[in-house]
Amino acid sequence: MAYAALADMLAKYGNAELIAATTDLDTPLDTIDQGKVQAALDQASSRMDSYLRRRYVVPVASPPPVLVQYCCAVARYLLHSGGNSNPSDQMRADYKDAIAWLKDINNEHATLDGAIPANTTEEFARIQTRPAGFRPGRLY
């Protein structure tokens, strides 16, 4: 589940930018490749979950506007990375801001209001940090 949708990207960055970011030789010059946008949104959301899961149940059920905003920023950066385009300085700055905020969430310097906290009880933590080489059913 992506934290943002094509409509969010269109509202934030406009039709022309998404056409430019997703058009290649096989795509008509006036069409957004919705598959590419969705793939970038999915990848951005997955990347965000890697930071959020330490503190919250993911995917976050009702993403607040800040999560949508940063998902769009990360997806925009990913769309412009590689292929025939390069991210602008502003895109890089927005991406770095998003990652810095996610690191703050991960390190408990910021919170995500309304999100369900992850189970951080001692029993859960013990299960999550199994010894290297752990094999289910093996007695230690």
N, C-alpha and C. Protein backbone atom coordinates (compact mmCIF):
# COMPACT_ATOMS: atom_id res chain seq x y z
N MET A 1 0.84 -1.18 0.00
CA MET A 1 0.00 0.00 0.00
C MET A 1 0.89 1.24 0.00
N ALA A 2 0.72 2.08 -0.98
CA ALA A 2 1.49 3.32 -1.08
C ALA A 2 0.85 4.39 -0.20
N TYR A 3 1.69 5.24 0.37
CA TYR A 3 1.20 6.33 1.22
C TYR A 3 0.70 7.52 0.43
N ALA A 4 0.91 7.53 -0.87
CA ALA A 4 0.42 8.60 -1.73
C ALA A 4 -0.07 7.95 -3.03
N ALA A 5 -0.81 8.72 -3.80
CA ALA A 5 -1.38 8.23 -5.06
C ALA A 5 -1.00 9.17 -6.20
N LEU A 6 -1.30 8.74 -7.39
CA LEU A 6 -1.04 9.56 -8.57
C LEU A 6 -1.67 10.94 -8.41
N ALA A 7 -2.87 11.00 -7.87
CA ALA A 7 -3.56 12.28 -7.67
C ALA A 7 -2.75 13.21 -6.77
N ASP A 8 -2.10 12.65 -5.74
CA ASP A 8 -1.26 13.46 -4.85
C ASP A 8 -0.05 14.01 -5.61
N MET A 9 0.55 13.16 -6.43
CA MET A 9 1.71 13.60 -7.22
C MET A 9 1.29 14.69 -8.22
N LEU A 10 0.14 14.52 -8.86
CA LEU A 10 -0.34 15.52 -9.81
C LEU A 10 -0.61 16.84 -9.11
N ALA A 11 -1.24 16.79 -7.94
CA ALA A 11 -1.56 18.01 -7.21
C ALA A 11 -0.29 18.74 -6.77
N LYS A 12 0.73 17.99 -6.42
CA LYS A 12 1.96 18.58 -5.89
C LYS A 12 2.92 19.04 -7.00
N TYR A 13 3.05 18.25 -8.07
CA TYR A 13 4.09 18.54 -9.06
C TYR A 13 3.57 18.86 -10.46
N GLY A 14 2.32 18.58 -10.73
CA GLY A 14 1.73 18.93 -12.01
C GLY A 14 1.90 17.88 -13.08
N ASN A 15 1.05 17.97 -14.06
CA ASN A 15 0.99 17.04 -15.18
C ASN A 15 2.27 17.06 -16.01
N ALA A 16 2.77 18.25 -16.31
CA ALA A 16 3.93 18.38 -17.19
C ALA A 16 5.17 17.69 -16.61
N GLU A 17 5.40 17.85 -15.30
CA GLU A 17 6.58 17.22 -14.70
C GLU A 17 6.47 15.70 -14.72
N LEU A 18 5.28 15.17 -14.44
CA LEU A 18 5.13 13.72 -14.43
C LEU A 18 5.23 13.14 -15.84
N ILE A 19 4.76 13.87 -16.82
CA ILE A 19 4.94 13.42 -18.21
C ILE A 19 6.43 13.38 -18.54
N ALA A 20 7.15 14.45 -18.20
CA ALA A 20 8.58 14.51 -18.50
C ALA A 20 9.35 13.41 -17.78
N ALA A 21 8.95 13.09 -16.55
CA ALA A 21 9.67 12.10 -15.75
C ALA A 21 9.39 10.67 -16.18
N THR A 22 8.25 10.44 -16.83
CA THR A 22 7.88 9.05 -17.14
C THR A 22 7.87 8.73 -18.62
N THR A 23 8.07 9.72 -19.47
CA THR A 23 8.02 9.49 -20.92
C THR A 23 9.34 8.90 -21.40
N ASP A 24 9.22 7.86 -22.20
CA ASP A 24 10.39 7.31 -22.87
C ASP A 24 10.03 7.04 -24.33
N LEU A 25 10.83 6.31 -25.03
CA LEU A 25 10.60 6.09 -26.46
C LEU A 25 9.32 5.33 -26.75
N ASP A 26 8.85 4.53 -25.80
CA ASP A 26 7.66 3.72 -26.04
C ASP A 26 6.37 4.38 -25.57
N THR A 27 6.46 5.59 -25.03
CA THR A 27 5.30 6.26 -24.45
C THR A 27 4.96 7.50 -25.27
N PRO A 28 3.66 7.72 -25.54
CA PRO A 28 3.28 8.97 -26.22
C PRO A 28 3.75 10.17 -25.41
N LEU A 29 4.15 11.24 -26.09
CA LEU A 29 4.76 12.41 -25.44
C LEU A 29 3.80 13.20 -24.56
N ASP A 30 2.51 12.91 -24.60
CA ASP A 30 1.56 13.67 -23.79
C ASP A 30 0.87 12.80 -22.74
N THR A 31 1.51 11.69 -22.40
CA THR A 31 0.89 10.72 -21.47
C THR A 31 1.80 10.44 -20.29
N ILE A 32 1.19 10.38 -19.10
CA ILE A 32 1.92 9.97 -17.90
C ILE A 32 1.91 8.45 -17.87
N ASP A 33 3.06 7.86 -17.67
CA ASP A 33 3.14 6.41 -17.48
C ASP A 33 2.76 6.13 -16.04
N GLN A 34 1.49 5.82 -15.84
CA GLN A 34 0.97 5.63 -14.48
C GLN A 34 1.64 4.46 -13.78
N GLY A 35 2.07 3.46 -14.53
CA GLY A 35 2.77 2.32 -13.94
C GLY A 35 4.08 2.74 -13.30
N LYS A 36 4.82 3.63 -13.97
CA LYS A 36 6.08 4.12 -13.42
C LYS A 36 5.85 4.95 -12.16
N VAL A 37 4.82 5.78 -12.20
CA VAL A 37 4.52 6.60 -11.02
C VAL A 37 4.13 5.69 -9.85
N GLN A 38 3.28 4.71 -10.11
CA GLN A 38 2.87 3.81 -9.04
C GLN A 38 4.05 3.01 -8.50
N ALA A 39 4.93 2.56 -9.38
CA ALA A 39 6.11 1.82 -8.93
C ALA A 39 6.99 2.70 -8.03
N ALA A 40 7.16 3.97 -8.40
CA ALA A 40 7.96 4.88 -7.57
C ALA A 40 7.28 5.13 -6.23
N LEU A 41 5.95 5.27 -6.23
CA LEU A 41 5.22 5.46 -4.97
C LEU A 41 5.33 4.23 -4.09
N ASP A 42 5.23 3.05 -4.69
CA ASP A 42 5.36 1.80 -3.91
C ASP A 42 6.76 1.67 -3.33
N GLN A 43 7.78 1.97 -4.13
CA GLN A 43 9.16 1.90 -3.66
C GLN A 43 9.41 2.93 -2.56
N ALA A 44 8.88 4.13 -2.72
CA ALA A 44 9.03 5.17 -1.70
C ALA A 44 8.36 4.73 -0.39
N SER A 45 7.17 4.16 -0.49
CA SER A 45 6.45 3.71 0.70
C SER A 45 7.19 2.58 1.40
N SER A 46 7.74 1.68 0.62
CA SER A 46 8.51 0.58 1.19
C SER A 46 9.74 1.11 1.92
N ARG A 47 10.41 2.06 1.31
CA ARG A 47 11.59 2.68 1.93
C ARG A 47 11.18 3.38 3.23
N MET A 48 10.05 4.05 3.22
CA MET A 48 9.57 4.73 4.41
C MET A 48 9.22 3.74 5.51
N ASP A 49 8.60 2.63 5.13
CA ASP A 49 8.27 1.60 6.12
C ASP A 49 9.51 1.05 6.81
N SER A 50 10.63 1.00 6.11
CA SER A 50 11.85 0.48 6.71
C SER A 50 12.29 1.35 7.89
N TYR A 51 11.96 2.62 7.87
CA TYR A 51 12.25 3.51 9.00
C TYR A 51 11.14 3.47 10.04
N LEU A 52 9.90 3.40 9.57
CA LEU A 52 8.75 3.51 10.48
C LEU A 52 8.51 2.25 11.31
N ARG A 53 8.86 1.07 10.77
CA ARG A 53 8.46 -0.18 11.42
C ARG A 53 9.10 -0.37 12.79
N ARG A 54 10.17 0.32 13.06
CA ARG A 54 10.80 0.19 14.37
C ARG A 54 9.88 0.71 15.47
N ARG A 55 9.04 1.70 15.13
CA ARG A 55 8.19 2.33 16.14
C ARG A 55 6.70 2.18 15.91
N TYR A 56 6.30 1.87 14.68
CA TYR A 56 4.88 1.85 14.36
C TYR A 56 4.51 0.61 13.55
N VAL A 57 3.24 0.25 13.65
CA VAL A 57 2.72 -0.83 12.82
C VAL A 57 2.63 -0.28 11.39
N VAL A 58 3.21 -1.00 10.45
CA VAL A 58 3.20 -0.56 9.05
C VAL A 58 2.45 -1.57 8.20
N PRO A 59 1.83 -1.15 7.14
CA PRO A 59 1.71 0.23 6.70
C PRO A 59 0.80 1.03 7.64
N VAL A 60 1.08 2.31 7.76
CA VAL A 60 0.28 3.20 8.59
C VAL A 60 -1.09 3.30 7.94
N ALA A 61 -2.14 2.95 8.71
CA ALA A 61 -3.49 2.82 8.15
C ALA A 61 -4.04 4.12 7.57
N SER A 62 -3.97 5.19 8.31
CA SER A 62 -4.48 6.48 7.83
C SER A 62 -3.32 7.46 7.82
N PRO A 63 -2.55 7.48 6.72
CA PRO A 63 -1.35 8.31 6.70
C PRO A 63 -1.68 9.79 6.87
N PRO A 64 -1.01 10.46 7.80
CA PRO A 64 -1.22 11.90 7.94
C PRO A 64 -0.61 12.64 6.75
N PRO A 65 -0.99 13.90 6.56
CA PRO A 65 -0.49 14.66 5.41
C PRO A 65 1.04 14.69 5.29
N VAL A 66 1.75 14.71 6.40
CA VAL A 66 3.21 14.75 6.33
C VAL A 66 3.76 13.48 5.69
N LEU A 67 3.12 12.35 5.93
CA LEU A 67 3.58 11.09 5.34
C LEU A 67 3.31 11.09 3.83
N VAL A 68 2.18 11.63 3.43
CA VAL A 68 1.86 11.74 2.00
C VAL A 68 2.86 12.68 1.32
N GLN A 69 3.15 13.81 1.96
CA GLN A 69 4.09 14.79 1.42
C GLN A 69 5.46 14.16 1.21
N TYR A 70 5.97 13.46 2.21
CA TYR A 70 7.30 12.88 2.08
C TYR A 70 7.32 11.70 1.12
N CYS A 71 6.23 10.97 1.04
CA CYS A 71 6.16 9.87 0.06
C CYS A 71 6.26 10.45 -1.35
N CYS A 72 5.56 11.54 -1.60
CA CYS A 72 5.63 12.20 -2.91
C CYS A 72 7.05 12.68 -3.20
N ALA A 73 7.71 13.25 -2.19
CA ALA A 73 9.07 13.77 -2.39
C ALA A 73 10.04 12.64 -2.72
N VAL A 74 9.92 11.52 -2.01
CA VAL A 74 10.81 10.38 -2.28
C VAL A 74 10.50 9.79 -3.65
N ALA A 75 9.23 9.63 -3.98
CA ALA A 75 8.85 9.08 -5.28
C ALA A 75 9.31 9.98 -6.42
N ARG A 76 9.20 11.28 -6.24
CA ARG A 76 9.66 12.24 -7.26
C ARG A 76 11.16 12.07 -7.50
N TYR A 77 11.91 11.97 -6.43
CA TYR A 77 13.35 11.77 -6.53
C TYR A 77 13.66 10.47 -7.28
N LEU A 78 12.94 9.41 -6.94
CA LEU A 78 13.16 8.12 -7.59
C LEU A 78 12.82 8.16 -9.08
N LEU A 79 11.74 8.87 -9.43
CA LEU A 79 11.35 8.99 -10.83
C LEU A 79 12.42 9.69 -11.66
N HIS A 80 13.11 10.64 -11.05
CA HIS A 80 14.11 11.40 -11.77
C HIS A 80 15.52 10.82 -11.65
N SER A 81 15.67 9.75 -10.91
CA SER A 81 16.98 9.11 -10.75
C SER A 81 17.12 8.00 -11.77
N GLY A 82 18.07 8.12 -12.61
CA GLY A 82 18.28 7.10 -13.64
C GLY A 82 17.53 7.46 -14.91
N GLY A 83 17.69 6.63 -15.89
CA GLY A 83 17.04 6.90 -17.17
C GLY A 83 17.62 8.12 -17.84
N ASN A 84 16.74 8.93 -18.43
CA ASN A 84 17.21 10.09 -19.17
C ASN A 84 17.06 11.40 -18.40
N SER A 85 16.83 11.33 -17.09
CA SER A 85 16.72 12.56 -16.31
C SER A 85 17.52 12.45 -15.02
N ASN A 86 17.85 13.58 -14.45
CA ASN A 86 18.58 13.65 -13.19
C ASN A 86 17.79 14.52 -12.22
N PRO A 87 17.80 14.17 -10.94
CA PRO A 87 17.09 15.01 -9.97
C PRO A 87 17.73 16.39 -9.86
N SER A 88 16.89 17.40 -9.71
CA SER A 88 17.38 18.76 -9.52
C SER A 88 17.88 18.91 -8.08
N ASP A 89 18.51 20.02 -7.80
CA ASP A 89 18.97 20.29 -6.43
C ASP A 89 17.79 20.32 -5.46
N GLN A 90 16.68 20.90 -5.91
CA GLN A 90 15.49 20.95 -5.05
C GLN A 90 14.95 19.55 -4.76
N MET A 91 14.94 18.68 -5.76
CA MET A 91 14.49 17.30 -5.57
C MET A 91 15.39 16.57 -4.58
N ARG A 92 16.70 16.78 -4.71
CA ARG A 92 17.65 16.16 -3.76
C ARG A 92 17.42 16.68 -2.35
N ALA A 93 17.21 17.98 -2.22
CA ALA A 93 16.98 18.58 -0.90
C ALA A 93 15.70 18.04 -0.28
N ASP A 94 14.63 17.92 -1.07
CA ASP A 94 13.37 17.39 -0.56
C ASP A 94 13.52 15.94 -0.14
N TYR A 95 14.27 15.16 -0.93
CA TYR A 95 14.53 13.75 -0.60
C TYR A 95 15.31 13.66 0.71
N LYS A 96 16.35 14.47 0.83
CA LYS A 96 17.17 14.45 2.05
C LYS A 96 16.35 14.88 3.27
N ASP A 97 15.46 15.85 3.10
CA ASP A 97 14.57 16.26 4.20
C ASP A 97 13.67 15.11 4.63
N ALA A 98 13.13 14.39 3.65
CA ALA A 98 12.26 13.26 3.96
C ALA A 98 13.02 12.18 4.72
N ILE A 99 14.20 11.84 4.27
CA ILE A 99 15.00 10.80 4.93
C ILE A 99 15.41 11.26 6.33
N ALA A 100 15.77 12.53 6.49
CA ALA A 100 16.14 13.06 7.81
C ALA A 100 14.97 12.96 8.77
N TRP A 101 13.77 13.28 8.30
CA TRP A 101 12.58 13.17 9.14
C TRP A 101 12.31 11.72 9.52
N LEU A 102 12.45 10.82 8.57
CA LEU A 102 12.26 9.40 8.85
C LEU A 102 13.28 8.90 9.87
N LYS A 103 14.51 9.36 9.77
CA LYS A 103 15.53 9.00 10.76
C LYS A 103 15.16 9.55 12.13
N ASP A 104 14.61 10.75 12.16
CA ASP A 104 14.15 11.31 13.44
C ASP A 104 13.03 10.46 14.04
N ILE A 105 12.12 9.99 13.20
CA ILE A 105 11.06 9.09 13.68
C ILE A 105 11.70 7.83 14.24
N ASN A 106 12.60 7.24 13.49
CA ASN A 106 13.25 6.00 13.88
C ASN A 106 14.01 6.15 15.19
N ASN A 107 14.66 7.30 15.38
CA ASN A 107 15.48 7.54 16.57
C ASN A 107 14.70 8.18 17.72
N GLU A 108 13.39 8.26 17.57
CA GLU A 108 12.48 8.78 18.60
C GLU A 108 12.69 10.26 18.89
N HIS A 109 13.12 11.02 17.88
CA HIS A 109 13.24 12.47 18.00
C HIS A 109 11.99 13.16 17.46
N ALA A 110 11.13 12.40 16.80
CA ALA A 110 9.88 12.90 16.26
C ALA A 110 8.84 11.80 16.39
N THR A 111 7.57 12.18 16.29
CA THR A 111 6.49 11.19 16.40
C THR A 111 5.59 11.28 15.18
N LEU A 112 4.82 10.25 15.01
CA LEU A 112 3.84 10.19 13.93
C LEU A 112 2.48 10.07 14.59
N ASP A 113 1.83 11.20 14.78
CA ASP A 113 0.56 11.23 15.48
C ASP A 113 -0.49 10.39 14.78
N GLY A 114 -1.21 9.62 15.57
CA GLY A 114 -2.29 8.80 15.04
C GLY A 114 -1.87 7.42 14.60
N ALA A 115 -0.58 7.15 14.50
CA ALA A 115 -0.10 5.84 14.07
C ALA A 115 -0.12 4.89 15.26
N ILE A 116 -0.34 3.62 14.99
CA ILE A 116 -0.38 2.59 16.03
C ILE A 116 1.05 2.22 16.40
N PRO A 117 1.41 2.37 17.68
CA PRO A 117 2.77 2.00 18.09
C PRO A 117 3.04 0.52 17.86
N ALA A 118 4.27 0.21 17.53
CA ALA A 118 4.68 -1.19 17.37
C ALA A 118 4.74 -1.84 18.74
N ASN A 119 4.62 -3.13 18.77
CA ASN A 119 4.74 -3.88 20.01
C ASN A 119 6.21 -3.89 20.41
N THR A 120 6.52 -3.16 21.46
CA THR A 120 7.91 -3.06 21.88
C THR A 120 8.12 -3.65 23.27
N THR A 121 7.24 -4.56 23.66
CA THR A 121 7.41 -5.18 24.96
C THR A 121 8.70 -5.99 24.97
N GLU A 122 9.17 -6.31 26.15
CA GLU A 122 10.43 -7.06 26.27
C GLU A 122 10.34 -8.40 25.56
N GLU A 123 9.22 -9.08 25.67
CA GLU A 123 9.04 -10.39 25.03
C GLU A 123 9.15 -10.24 23.51
N PHE A 124 8.51 -9.22 22.95
CA PHE A 124 8.56 -8.99 21.51
C PHE A 124 9.99 -8.68 21.08
N ALA A 125 10.67 -7.83 21.82
CA ALA A 125 12.04 -7.44 21.48
C ALA A 125 12.96 -8.66 21.51
N ARG A 126 12.75 -9.54 22.47
CA ARG A 126 13.58 -10.73 22.58
C ARG A 126 13.38 -11.63 21.37
N ILE A 127 12.16 -11.75 20.90
CA ILE A 127 11.85 -12.58 19.74
C ILE A 127 12.44 -11.96 18.48
N GLN A 128 12.37 -10.64 18.36
CA GLN A 128 12.85 -9.96 17.17
C GLN A 128 14.37 -9.98 17.04
N THR A 129 15.08 -10.18 18.12
CA THR A 129 16.54 -10.17 18.07
C THR A 129 17.07 -11.57 18.35
N ARG A 130 16.76 -12.48 17.50
CA ARG A 130 17.21 -13.86 17.64
C ARG A 130 18.70 -13.94 17.38
N PRO A 131 19.36 -14.89 17.99
CA PRO A 131 20.80 -15.01 17.76
C PRO A 131 21.11 -15.39 16.31
N ALA A 132 22.29 -15.02 15.86
CA ALA A 132 22.72 -15.38 14.51
C ALA A 132 22.72 -16.89 14.37
N GLY A 133 22.29 -17.37 13.25
CA GLY A 133 22.24 -18.81 13.02
C GLY A 133 21.01 -19.48 13.62
N PHE A 134 20.05 -18.68 14.09
CA PHE A 134 18.84 -19.23 14.69
C PHE A 134 18.09 -20.07 13.68
N ARG A 135 17.67 -21.26 14.11
CA ARG A 135 16.84 -22.12 13.30
C ARG A 135 15.66 -22.56 14.15
N PRO A 136 14.43 -22.33 13.67
CA PRO A 136 13.25 -22.74 14.44
C PRO A 136 13.33 -24.24 14.75
N GLY A 137 12.94 -24.60 15.95
CA GLY A 137 12.92 -26.00 16.36
C GLY A 137 14.21 -26.50 16.95
N ARG A 138 15.27 -25.75 16.78
CA ARG A 138 16.57 -26.15 17.32
C ARG A 138 16.67 -25.68 18.78
N LEU A 139 17.09 -26.53 19.66
CA LEU A 139 17.25 -26.18 21.06
C LEU A 139 18.62 -25.59 21.29
N TYR A 140 18.65 -24.48 21.99
CA TYR A 140 19.93 -23.82 22.27
C TYR A 140 20.33 -24.04 23.69
